[in-house]
N, C-alpha and C. Protein backbone atom coordinates (compact mmCIF):
# COMPACT_ATOMS: atom_id res chain seq x y z
N MET A 1 46.28 -70.26 47.07
CA MET A 1 46.36 -70.08 48.48
C MET A 1 45.87 -68.66 48.78
N LYS A 2 44.93 -68.60 49.75
CA LYS A 2 44.46 -67.29 50.19
C LYS A 2 45.23 -66.81 51.34
N LEU A 3 45.50 -65.56 51.31
CA LEU A 3 46.24 -64.93 52.48
C LEU A 3 45.18 -64.37 53.42
N PRO A 4 45.39 -64.51 54.76
CA PRO A 4 44.45 -63.93 55.67
C PRO A 4 44.38 -62.41 55.50
N ILE A 5 43.19 -61.91 55.51
CA ILE A 5 42.95 -60.46 55.31
C ILE A 5 42.41 -59.91 56.67
N LEU A 6 42.94 -58.82 57.09
CA LEU A 6 42.41 -58.16 58.31
C LEU A 6 41.13 -57.38 57.89
N ALA A 7 40.52 -56.89 58.88
CA ALA A 7 39.32 -56.11 58.63
C ALA A 7 39.61 -54.86 57.79
N THR A 8 40.84 -54.45 57.82
CA THR A 8 41.18 -53.21 57.11
C THR A 8 41.45 -53.60 55.63
N GLY A 9 41.54 -54.87 55.28
CA GLY A 9 41.78 -55.29 53.93
C GLY A 9 43.25 -55.46 53.60
N ILE A 10 44.10 -55.48 54.64
CA ILE A 10 45.53 -55.56 54.46
C ILE A 10 45.97 -57.05 54.86
N SER A 11 46.75 -57.66 54.08
CA SER A 11 47.20 -59.01 54.31
C SER A 11 48.17 -59.03 55.52
N THR A 12 48.15 -60.14 56.26
CA THR A 12 49.11 -60.26 57.37
C THR A 12 50.47 -60.72 56.92
N ALA A 13 50.60 -61.03 55.61
CA ALA A 13 51.90 -61.45 55.13
C ALA A 13 52.83 -60.23 55.06
N LYS A 14 54.09 -60.50 55.21
CA LYS A 14 55.07 -59.43 55.15
C LYS A 14 55.30 -59.08 53.73
N ARG A 15 55.34 -57.80 53.39
CA ARG A 15 55.67 -57.41 52.01
C ARG A 15 57.09 -56.94 51.89
N LEU A 16 57.79 -57.59 50.93
CA LEU A 16 59.17 -57.24 50.61
C LEU A 16 59.17 -56.55 49.24
N THR A 17 59.77 -55.39 49.21
CA THR A 17 59.77 -54.70 47.99
C THR A 17 61.20 -54.59 47.36
N THR A 18 61.23 -54.79 46.14
CA THR A 18 62.42 -54.53 45.33
C THR A 18 62.08 -53.60 44.20
N PRO A 19 62.98 -52.96 43.63
CA PRO A 19 62.64 -52.01 42.55
C PRO A 19 61.87 -52.68 41.42
N GLY A 20 60.65 -52.30 41.18
CA GLY A 20 59.81 -52.81 40.13
C GLY A 20 59.08 -54.05 40.49
N ARG A 21 59.24 -54.68 41.67
CA ARG A 21 58.55 -55.89 42.07
C ARG A 21 58.17 -55.82 43.51
N VAL A 22 57.12 -56.55 43.82
CA VAL A 22 56.68 -56.69 45.24
C VAL A 22 56.74 -58.25 45.51
N LEU A 23 57.54 -58.65 46.48
CA LEU A 23 57.58 -60.02 46.89
C LEU A 23 56.77 -60.20 48.14
N VAL A 24 55.98 -61.27 48.20
CA VAL A 24 55.19 -61.51 49.36
C VAL A 24 55.68 -62.71 50.08
N SER A 25 55.99 -62.60 51.35
CA SER A 25 56.51 -63.73 52.12
C SER A 25 55.54 -64.04 53.20
N ASP A 26 55.01 -65.27 53.25
CA ASP A 26 54.10 -65.68 54.25
C ASP A 26 54.87 -66.46 55.30
N THR A 27 55.20 -65.84 56.46
CA THR A 27 55.94 -66.45 57.55
C THR A 27 55.10 -66.55 58.78
N GLY A 28 53.90 -66.95 58.50
CA GLY A 28 52.98 -67.12 59.63
C GLY A 28 53.29 -68.33 60.45
N PRO A 29 52.48 -68.61 61.48
CA PRO A 29 52.76 -69.74 62.37
C PRO A 29 52.64 -71.06 61.57
N GLY A 30 53.54 -72.01 61.86
CA GLY A 30 53.53 -73.27 61.24
C GLY A 30 54.27 -73.25 59.87
N ARG A 31 54.70 -72.16 59.43
CA ARG A 31 55.39 -72.03 58.15
C ARG A 31 56.90 -71.77 58.43
N SER A 32 57.73 -72.47 57.74
CA SER A 32 59.17 -72.21 57.87
C SER A 32 59.72 -71.59 56.59
N GLN A 33 60.78 -70.89 56.78
CA GLN A 33 61.41 -70.24 55.59
C GLN A 33 62.09 -71.31 54.78
N GLN A 34 62.01 -71.20 53.44
CA GLN A 34 62.67 -72.16 52.61
C GLN A 34 63.66 -71.39 51.71
N GLY A 35 64.77 -72.08 51.34
CA GLY A 35 65.81 -71.47 50.53
C GLY A 35 67.16 -71.81 51.10
N PHE A 36 68.19 -71.26 50.49
CA PHE A 36 69.53 -71.53 50.88
C PHE A 36 70.16 -70.30 51.45
N THR A 37 71.08 -70.44 52.40
CA THR A 37 71.78 -69.26 52.86
C THR A 37 72.99 -69.07 51.93
N LEU A 38 73.64 -68.00 52.03
CA LEU A 38 74.79 -67.64 51.27
C LEU A 38 75.89 -68.63 51.51
N TRP A 39 76.12 -69.05 52.76
CA TRP A 39 77.14 -70.01 53.12
C TRP A 39 76.88 -71.33 52.40
N GLU A 40 75.65 -71.81 52.47
CA GLU A 40 75.33 -73.08 51.82
C GLU A 40 75.62 -73.03 50.32
N LEU A 41 75.29 -71.91 49.65
CA LEU A 41 75.52 -71.82 48.24
C LEU A 41 77.05 -71.82 47.93
N LEU A 42 77.79 -71.09 48.78
CA LEU A 42 79.22 -71.04 48.58
C LEU A 42 79.85 -72.42 48.73
N ILE A 43 79.39 -73.22 49.71
CA ILE A 43 79.92 -74.53 49.96
C ILE A 43 79.66 -75.44 48.72
N VAL A 44 78.43 -75.35 48.18
CA VAL A 44 78.08 -76.16 47.03
C VAL A 44 78.96 -75.79 45.84
N VAL A 45 79.17 -74.52 45.58
CA VAL A 45 79.96 -74.07 44.43
C VAL A 45 81.43 -74.55 44.68
N ALA A 46 81.92 -74.44 45.88
CA ALA A 46 83.31 -74.93 46.14
C ALA A 46 83.46 -76.42 45.90
N ILE A 47 82.46 -77.23 46.34
CA ILE A 47 82.53 -78.67 46.09
C ILE A 47 82.49 -78.96 44.61
N ILE A 48 81.62 -78.25 43.89
CA ILE A 48 81.56 -78.48 42.38
C ILE A 48 82.87 -78.11 41.72
N ALA A 49 83.51 -76.96 42.15
CA ALA A 49 84.79 -76.58 41.58
C ALA A 49 85.87 -77.57 41.85
N ILE A 50 85.92 -78.09 43.10
CA ILE A 50 86.98 -79.05 43.44
C ILE A 50 86.74 -80.34 42.64
N THR A 51 85.53 -80.79 42.47
CA THR A 51 85.25 -82.00 41.71
C THR A 51 85.66 -81.86 40.26
N VAL A 52 85.29 -80.74 39.65
CA VAL A 52 85.68 -80.48 38.27
C VAL A 52 87.16 -80.49 38.08
N SER A 53 87.92 -79.77 38.97
CA SER A 53 89.36 -79.71 38.81
C SER A 53 89.97 -81.02 39.01
N MET A 54 89.44 -81.87 39.94
CA MET A 54 90.03 -83.20 40.10
C MET A 54 89.81 -84.07 38.88
N VAL A 55 88.65 -83.99 38.24
CA VAL A 55 88.42 -84.69 37.02
C VAL A 55 89.34 -84.33 35.89
N GLN A 56 89.57 -82.98 35.74
CA GLN A 56 90.48 -82.49 34.71
C GLN A 56 91.95 -82.91 34.95
N PHE A 57 92.30 -82.89 36.26
CA PHE A 57 93.66 -83.25 36.59
C PHE A 57 93.88 -84.74 36.39
N SER A 58 92.94 -85.56 36.79
CA SER A 58 93.06 -86.99 36.58
C SER A 58 93.07 -87.41 35.12
N SER A 59 92.29 -86.71 34.29
CA SER A 59 92.26 -87.03 32.88
C SER A 59 93.53 -86.62 32.20
N GLY A 60 94.18 -85.52 32.72
CA GLY A 60 95.47 -85.13 32.16
C GLY A 60 96.62 -86.15 32.50
N LEU A 61 96.47 -86.71 33.72
CA LEU A 61 97.50 -87.67 34.07
C LEU A 61 97.36 -88.96 33.26
N GLY A 62 96.18 -89.32 32.80
CA GLY A 62 95.97 -90.52 32.04
C GLY A 62 96.39 -90.34 30.56
N ASP A 63 96.70 -89.16 30.12
CA ASP A 63 97.05 -88.94 28.74
C ASP A 63 98.52 -89.29 28.55
N ASN A 64 98.81 -90.50 28.11
CA ASN A 64 100.21 -90.92 27.95
C ASN A 64 100.82 -90.34 26.62
N THR A 65 100.10 -89.67 25.91
CA THR A 65 100.63 -89.07 24.59
C THR A 65 100.94 -87.58 24.78
N ARG A 66 100.79 -87.05 26.04
CA ARG A 66 101.00 -85.67 26.26
C ARG A 66 102.42 -85.20 25.79
N ASP A 67 103.40 -86.05 26.10
CA ASP A 67 104.77 -85.70 25.75
C ASP A 67 105.01 -85.60 24.24
N LEU A 68 104.38 -86.53 23.47
CA LEU A 68 104.46 -86.42 22.01
C LEU A 68 103.74 -85.17 21.51
N LYS A 69 102.61 -84.81 22.06
CA LYS A 69 101.94 -83.61 21.65
C LYS A 69 102.82 -82.36 21.84
N ARG A 70 103.53 -82.36 23.03
CA ARG A 70 104.38 -81.24 23.35
C ARG A 70 105.55 -81.12 22.32
N VAL A 71 106.11 -82.30 22.01
CA VAL A 71 107.25 -82.30 21.05
C VAL A 71 106.78 -81.78 19.68
N GLY A 72 105.57 -82.27 19.20
CA GLY A 72 105.07 -81.78 17.98
C GLY A 72 104.80 -80.33 17.95
N LYS A 73 104.18 -79.75 18.99
CA LYS A 73 103.89 -78.33 19.08
C LYS A 73 105.21 -77.49 19.11
N ASP A 74 106.18 -78.01 19.89
CA ASP A 74 107.48 -77.27 19.96
C ASP A 74 108.16 -77.29 18.58
N LEU A 75 108.11 -78.37 17.86
CA LEU A 75 108.74 -78.36 16.54
C LEU A 75 108.01 -77.47 15.60
N GLY A 76 106.69 -77.42 15.65
CA GLY A 76 105.90 -76.49 14.79
C GLY A 76 106.25 -75.08 15.09
N LYS A 77 106.45 -74.73 16.34
CA LYS A 77 106.86 -73.36 16.67
C LYS A 77 108.25 -73.11 16.21
N LEU A 78 109.13 -74.13 16.28
CA LEU A 78 110.50 -73.95 15.85
C LEU A 78 110.56 -73.62 14.32
N PHE A 79 109.77 -74.38 13.54
CA PHE A 79 109.80 -74.14 12.10
C PHE A 79 109.23 -72.77 11.74
N HIS A 80 108.19 -72.35 12.48
CA HIS A 80 107.62 -70.99 12.29
C HIS A 80 108.63 -69.89 12.63
N LEU A 81 109.30 -70.11 13.77
CA LEU A 81 110.28 -69.11 14.14
C LEU A 81 111.44 -69.01 13.20
N LEU A 82 111.91 -70.20 12.75
CA LEU A 82 113.05 -70.20 11.81
C LEU A 82 112.67 -69.57 10.50
N SER A 83 111.47 -69.80 10.04
CA SER A 83 110.97 -69.25 8.74
C SER A 83 110.95 -67.71 8.86
N GLN A 84 110.45 -67.18 9.97
CA GLN A 84 110.40 -65.75 10.18
C GLN A 84 111.77 -65.14 10.28
N GLU A 85 112.61 -65.80 11.02
CA GLU A 85 113.98 -65.36 11.19
C GLU A 85 114.74 -65.35 9.88
N ALA A 86 114.60 -66.40 9.04
CA ALA A 86 115.23 -66.47 7.76
C ALA A 86 114.82 -65.31 6.84
N VAL A 87 113.51 -65.04 6.81
CA VAL A 87 113.00 -63.97 5.90
C VAL A 87 113.37 -62.64 6.44
N PHE A 88 113.18 -62.31 7.70
CA PHE A 88 113.41 -60.99 8.25
C PHE A 88 114.93 -60.65 8.33
N GLU A 89 115.73 -61.65 8.59
CA GLU A 89 117.19 -61.42 8.83
C GLU A 89 118.00 -61.74 7.56
N ASN A 90 117.32 -62.21 6.50
CA ASN A 90 117.99 -62.61 5.25
C ASN A 90 119.07 -63.64 5.51
N ARG A 91 118.68 -64.69 6.26
CA ARG A 91 119.62 -65.76 6.58
C ARG A 91 119.08 -67.09 6.16
N ASN A 92 119.90 -68.06 5.92
CA ASN A 92 119.55 -69.38 5.52
C ASN A 92 119.78 -70.38 6.69
N PHE A 93 118.76 -71.12 7.02
CA PHE A 93 118.90 -72.11 8.12
C PHE A 93 118.64 -73.48 7.51
N ALA A 94 119.02 -74.47 8.31
CA ALA A 94 118.75 -75.88 8.01
C ALA A 94 118.54 -76.65 9.30
N ILE A 95 117.82 -77.73 9.21
CA ILE A 95 117.63 -78.61 10.37
C ILE A 95 118.28 -79.93 10.02
N SER A 96 119.14 -80.35 10.90
CA SER A 96 119.78 -81.65 10.78
C SER A 96 119.04 -82.53 11.77
N VAL A 97 118.18 -83.47 11.23
CA VAL A 97 117.36 -84.33 12.06
C VAL A 97 118.26 -85.48 12.62
N GLN A 98 118.21 -85.66 13.87
CA GLN A 98 118.98 -86.74 14.62
C GLN A 98 117.93 -87.77 15.05
N ASP A 99 118.45 -88.87 15.43
CA ASP A 99 117.48 -89.97 15.94
C ASP A 99 116.68 -89.52 17.15
N ARG A 100 117.29 -88.73 18.03
CA ARG A 100 116.70 -88.25 19.24
C ARG A 100 116.56 -86.77 19.34
N GLY A 101 116.43 -86.12 18.20
CA GLY A 101 116.28 -84.66 18.23
C GLY A 101 116.69 -84.01 16.94
N TYR A 102 117.35 -82.85 17.07
CA TYR A 102 117.71 -82.08 15.84
C TYR A 102 118.87 -81.14 16.22
N ILE A 103 119.49 -80.62 15.20
CA ILE A 103 120.50 -79.56 15.36
C ILE A 103 120.13 -78.43 14.31
N VAL A 104 120.05 -77.23 14.80
CA VAL A 104 119.77 -76.14 13.87
C VAL A 104 121.10 -75.64 13.28
N LEU A 105 121.13 -75.57 11.96
CA LEU A 105 122.38 -75.17 11.29
C LEU A 105 122.07 -73.80 10.57
N GLN A 106 123.13 -73.01 10.36
CA GLN A 106 122.99 -71.79 9.59
C GLN A 106 124.13 -71.72 8.61
N PHE A 107 123.88 -71.11 7.47
CA PHE A 107 124.81 -71.04 6.40
C PHE A 107 125.71 -69.80 6.61
N ASP A 108 127.02 -70.01 6.79
CA ASP A 108 127.89 -68.80 7.04
C ASP A 108 128.58 -68.27 5.80
N GLY A 109 128.04 -68.69 4.64
CA GLY A 109 128.64 -68.17 3.39
C GLY A 109 129.42 -69.23 2.64
N GLY A 110 129.93 -70.23 3.36
CA GLY A 110 130.72 -71.24 2.77
C GLY A 110 130.33 -72.67 3.20
N SER A 111 129.79 -72.73 4.35
CA SER A 111 129.39 -74.14 4.84
C SER A 111 128.31 -73.99 5.86
N TRP A 112 127.70 -75.07 6.23
CA TRP A 112 126.62 -75.20 7.27
C TRP A 112 127.29 -75.44 8.61
N VAL A 113 127.05 -74.57 9.52
CA VAL A 113 127.61 -74.68 10.90
C VAL A 113 126.47 -74.67 11.90
N PRO A 114 126.68 -75.35 13.03
CA PRO A 114 125.61 -75.26 14.10
C PRO A 114 125.39 -73.89 14.54
N SER A 115 124.11 -73.57 14.78
CA SER A 115 123.69 -72.23 15.22
C SER A 115 124.14 -72.02 16.66
N GLU A 116 124.64 -70.82 16.97
CA GLU A 116 125.06 -70.53 18.34
C GLU A 116 123.90 -70.02 19.19
N GLU A 117 122.75 -69.75 18.58
CA GLU A 117 121.65 -69.25 19.32
C GLU A 117 121.03 -70.31 20.16
N THR A 118 120.98 -70.11 21.46
CA THR A 118 120.49 -71.14 22.37
C THR A 118 118.98 -71.28 22.30
N PHE A 119 118.30 -70.26 21.78
CA PHE A 119 116.84 -70.35 21.71
C PHE A 119 116.35 -71.49 20.83
N PHE A 120 117.19 -71.90 19.83
CA PHE A 120 116.80 -72.91 18.93
C PHE A 120 117.05 -74.31 19.48
N LYS A 121 117.68 -74.39 20.68
CA LYS A 121 118.04 -75.67 21.25
C LYS A 121 117.13 -76.13 22.44
N ARG A 122 115.94 -75.64 22.47
CA ARG A 122 115.15 -75.89 23.69
C ARG A 122 114.39 -77.26 23.67
N LEU A 123 114.21 -77.89 22.52
CA LEU A 123 113.43 -79.12 22.49
C LEU A 123 114.23 -80.29 22.96
N LYS A 124 113.63 -81.05 23.86
CA LYS A 124 114.24 -82.23 24.36
C LYS A 124 113.30 -83.45 24.05
N MET A 125 113.83 -84.46 23.40
CA MET A 125 113.05 -85.67 23.21
C MET A 125 113.37 -86.68 24.27
N SER A 126 112.42 -87.50 24.63
CA SER A 126 112.66 -88.50 25.65
C SER A 126 113.50 -89.67 25.04
N GLU A 127 113.97 -90.50 25.95
CA GLU A 127 114.78 -91.65 25.55
C GLU A 127 114.02 -92.63 24.70
N SER A 128 112.72 -92.69 24.89
CA SER A 128 111.89 -93.71 24.14
C SER A 128 111.42 -93.21 22.78
N GLN A 129 111.68 -91.93 22.44
CA GLN A 129 111.20 -91.38 21.16
C GLN A 129 112.32 -91.53 20.09
N ARG A 130 111.84 -91.87 18.91
CA ARG A 130 112.77 -92.10 17.77
C ARG A 130 112.22 -91.27 16.57
N SER A 131 113.15 -90.78 15.73
CA SER A 131 112.74 -90.01 14.57
C SER A 131 113.02 -90.83 13.33
N GLU A 132 112.30 -90.50 12.27
CA GLU A 132 112.45 -90.96 10.92
C GLU A 132 112.05 -89.86 9.98
N LEU A 133 112.98 -89.58 9.04
CA LEU A 133 112.78 -88.41 8.11
C LEU A 133 112.61 -88.96 6.72
N VAL A 134 111.57 -88.45 5.99
CA VAL A 134 111.32 -88.83 4.61
C VAL A 134 111.30 -87.52 3.79
N ILE A 135 112.17 -87.52 2.78
CA ILE A 135 112.19 -86.35 1.85
C ILE A 135 112.15 -86.95 0.41
N GLU A 136 111.24 -86.45 -0.42
CA GLU A 136 111.01 -86.91 -1.74
C GLU A 136 110.82 -88.38 -1.77
N GLU A 137 109.96 -88.89 -0.89
CA GLU A 137 109.64 -90.29 -0.80
C GLU A 137 110.80 -91.23 -0.54
N GLN A 138 111.90 -90.69 0.04
CA GLN A 138 113.04 -91.52 0.42
C GLN A 138 113.33 -91.28 1.90
N VAL A 139 113.51 -92.46 2.64
CA VAL A 139 113.88 -92.38 3.99
C VAL A 139 115.35 -91.93 4.10
N ILE A 140 115.63 -90.91 4.90
CA ILE A 140 116.95 -90.28 5.00
C ILE A 140 117.72 -90.95 6.18
N ASP A 141 118.96 -91.24 5.94
CA ASP A 141 119.78 -91.81 6.99
C ASP A 141 120.15 -90.68 7.98
N ILE A 142 119.58 -90.77 9.24
CA ILE A 142 119.80 -89.73 10.25
C ILE A 142 120.72 -90.20 11.36
N SER A 143 121.39 -91.30 11.13
CA SER A 143 122.36 -91.81 12.14
C SER A 143 123.38 -90.75 12.43
N ALA A 144 123.93 -90.80 13.70
CA ALA A 144 124.91 -89.81 14.08
C ALA A 144 126.16 -89.90 13.24
N LYS A 145 126.63 -88.73 12.74
CA LYS A 145 127.76 -88.65 11.87
C LYS A 145 128.76 -87.68 12.62
N THR A 146 129.90 -87.59 12.03
CA THR A 146 130.90 -86.66 12.63
C THR A 146 130.48 -85.19 12.49
N SER A 147 129.92 -84.84 11.44
CA SER A 147 129.37 -83.46 11.26
C SER A 147 127.94 -83.51 10.79
N PRO A 148 127.06 -82.70 11.39
CA PRO A 148 125.63 -82.71 11.03
C PRO A 148 125.41 -82.34 9.60
N GLU A 149 124.50 -83.00 8.91
CA GLU A 149 124.10 -82.69 7.55
C GLU A 149 122.81 -81.86 7.49
N PRO A 150 122.76 -80.89 6.60
CA PRO A 150 121.49 -80.14 6.48
C PRO A 150 120.46 -80.98 5.74
N HIS A 151 119.41 -81.31 6.43
CA HIS A 151 118.29 -82.12 5.91
C HIS A 151 117.12 -81.26 5.34
N ILE A 152 116.64 -80.40 6.20
CA ILE A 152 115.48 -79.52 5.89
C ILE A 152 115.99 -78.14 5.79
N LEU A 153 116.00 -77.54 4.56
CA LEU A 153 116.50 -76.15 4.41
C LEU A 153 115.32 -75.20 4.60
N ILE A 154 115.62 -74.12 5.28
CA ILE A 154 114.68 -73.01 5.51
C ILE A 154 115.38 -71.78 4.97
N LEU A 155 114.98 -71.34 3.79
CA LEU A 155 115.76 -70.30 3.11
C LEU A 155 115.23 -68.89 3.31
N ALA A 156 116.04 -67.91 3.03
CA ALA A 156 115.67 -66.48 3.21
C ALA A 156 114.55 -66.11 2.22
N SER A 157 114.35 -66.85 1.18
CA SER A 157 113.32 -66.59 0.17
C SER A 157 111.91 -66.99 0.74
N GLY A 158 111.90 -67.68 1.86
CA GLY A 158 110.64 -68.11 2.42
C GLY A 158 110.31 -69.60 2.06
N GLU A 159 111.15 -70.23 1.23
CA GLU A 159 110.97 -71.60 0.82
C GLU A 159 111.53 -72.60 1.84
N MET A 160 111.02 -73.75 1.92
CA MET A 160 111.52 -74.83 2.79
C MET A 160 111.48 -76.16 2.00
N THR A 161 112.31 -77.04 2.42
CA THR A 161 112.41 -78.40 1.85
C THR A 161 111.11 -79.17 2.26
N PRO A 162 110.31 -79.66 1.35
CA PRO A 162 109.12 -80.46 1.71
C PRO A 162 109.65 -81.72 2.45
N PHE A 163 109.01 -82.10 3.55
CA PHE A 163 109.46 -83.24 4.33
C PHE A 163 108.30 -83.88 5.07
N GLU A 164 108.57 -85.13 5.58
CA GLU A 164 107.74 -85.76 6.49
C GLU A 164 108.59 -86.33 7.62
N TRP A 165 108.40 -85.82 8.86
CA TRP A 165 109.15 -86.19 9.96
C TRP A 165 108.28 -87.04 10.92
N ARG A 166 108.57 -88.30 11.11
CA ARG A 166 107.77 -89.17 11.94
C ARG A 166 108.55 -89.38 13.23
N ILE A 167 107.82 -89.20 14.34
CA ILE A 167 108.39 -89.40 15.67
C ILE A 167 107.54 -90.43 16.36
N ARG A 168 108.23 -91.52 16.76
CA ARG A 168 107.51 -92.58 17.43
C ARG A 168 107.95 -92.68 18.86
N ASP A 169 107.08 -93.03 19.72
CA ASP A 169 107.42 -93.27 21.17
C ASP A 169 107.23 -94.72 21.40
N GLN A 170 108.34 -95.43 21.67
CA GLN A 170 108.34 -96.85 21.89
C GLN A 170 107.61 -97.21 23.17
N LEU A 171 107.62 -96.32 24.15
CA LEU A 171 106.99 -96.57 25.47
C LEU A 171 105.48 -96.56 25.41
N THR A 172 104.93 -95.55 24.75
CA THR A 172 103.49 -95.44 24.67
C THR A 172 102.91 -96.10 23.40
N GLN A 173 103.76 -96.48 22.46
CA GLN A 173 103.37 -97.11 21.24
C GLN A 173 102.44 -96.12 20.38
N HIS A 174 102.77 -94.85 20.42
CA HIS A 174 102.07 -93.85 19.64
C HIS A 174 103.08 -93.06 18.79
N GLY A 175 102.62 -92.37 17.84
CA GLY A 175 103.50 -91.56 16.96
C GLY A 175 102.82 -90.33 16.44
N ILE A 176 103.62 -89.33 16.03
CA ILE A 176 103.13 -88.14 15.36
C ILE A 176 103.87 -88.05 14.08
N VAL A 177 103.26 -87.23 13.14
CA VAL A 177 103.91 -87.01 11.84
C VAL A 177 103.86 -85.44 11.60
N LEU A 178 104.98 -84.89 11.28
CA LEU A 178 105.07 -83.46 10.92
C LEU A 178 105.25 -83.43 9.42
N GLN A 179 104.47 -82.70 8.73
CA GLN A 179 104.59 -82.54 7.30
C GLN A 179 104.85 -81.08 6.91
N GLY A 180 105.93 -80.84 6.19
CA GLY A 180 106.20 -79.45 5.81
C GLY A 180 106.12 -79.33 4.29
N ASN A 181 105.69 -78.16 3.81
CA ASN A 181 105.65 -77.93 2.34
C ASN A 181 106.63 -76.96 1.94
N VAL A 182 106.70 -76.66 0.64
CA VAL A 182 107.68 -75.74 0.06
C VAL A 182 107.49 -74.27 0.52
N LEU A 183 106.23 -73.97 0.90
CA LEU A 183 105.90 -72.59 1.33
C LEU A 183 106.24 -72.34 2.82
N GLY A 184 106.69 -73.34 3.52
CA GLY A 184 107.11 -73.18 4.91
C GLY A 184 106.12 -73.47 5.95
N SER A 185 104.93 -73.98 5.58
CA SER A 185 103.96 -74.35 6.62
C SER A 185 104.16 -75.78 7.03
N VAL A 186 103.86 -76.06 8.29
CA VAL A 186 104.06 -77.38 8.89
C VAL A 186 102.78 -77.81 9.56
N LEU A 187 102.37 -79.05 9.28
CA LEU A 187 101.14 -79.61 9.82
C LEU A 187 101.43 -80.84 10.63
N MET A 188 100.92 -80.96 11.82
CA MET A 188 101.13 -82.11 12.70
C MET A 188 99.86 -83.00 12.65
N THR A 189 100.01 -84.29 12.49
CA THR A 189 98.95 -85.24 12.65
C THR A 189 99.32 -86.19 13.80
N GLY A 190 98.31 -86.64 14.53
CA GLY A 190 98.57 -87.57 15.60
C GLY A 190 98.44 -86.88 16.94
N PRO A 191 98.79 -87.51 18.00
CA PRO A 191 99.35 -88.86 18.15
C PRO A 191 98.31 -89.92 17.80
N GLU A 192 98.83 -90.98 17.14
CA GLU A 192 98.03 -92.09 16.78
C GLU A 192 98.80 -93.36 17.14
N PRO A 193 98.08 -94.41 17.41
CA PRO A 193 98.73 -95.73 17.78
C PRO A 193 99.64 -96.19 16.64
N LEU A 194 100.76 -96.70 16.96
CA LEU A 194 101.67 -97.31 15.97
C LEU A 194 101.02 -98.57 15.39
N GLY A 195 101.09 -98.77 14.11
CA GLY A 195 100.48 -99.92 13.49
C GLY A 195 101.29 -100.67 12.56
């Protein structure tokens, strides 16, 4: 496209300068400006942001295994915290697995008693979730008893009873598995459909 040149050799187009560049804008008769205003760009960005947040929110609501994931993560944090507390404070802990949760026990020199620390009592399992504990390839009886039994030992030496803790949700028909080894690390698998 040729720009009209005056007799002086200067174009009738307006010259816009920015550092290091010269922009030429031809706003002659019959030509309209093209581009977006700042308001139009802000509106488009806002619409995109609202749409993306609605998609994320709706996909989170559709995740019926979210509660199982939370339980698994909370239990993983509990084991990590108890392992650190046992080593740093030179104390021995145990977890008594119940059908709908757990009780943290501590060794007082003669017997296992429930821990008084409320920080260890934060996990709540829903009514539809059930536990099953396997130690040394044997399913452990976790039915309610008069006094809680120490199932998973977490010792001051840093060692832990190897275990497999299965938590099933009857409502969503999914389950998770927590596996702990003798060195105190815990791995969660799932949630996976019950089969």
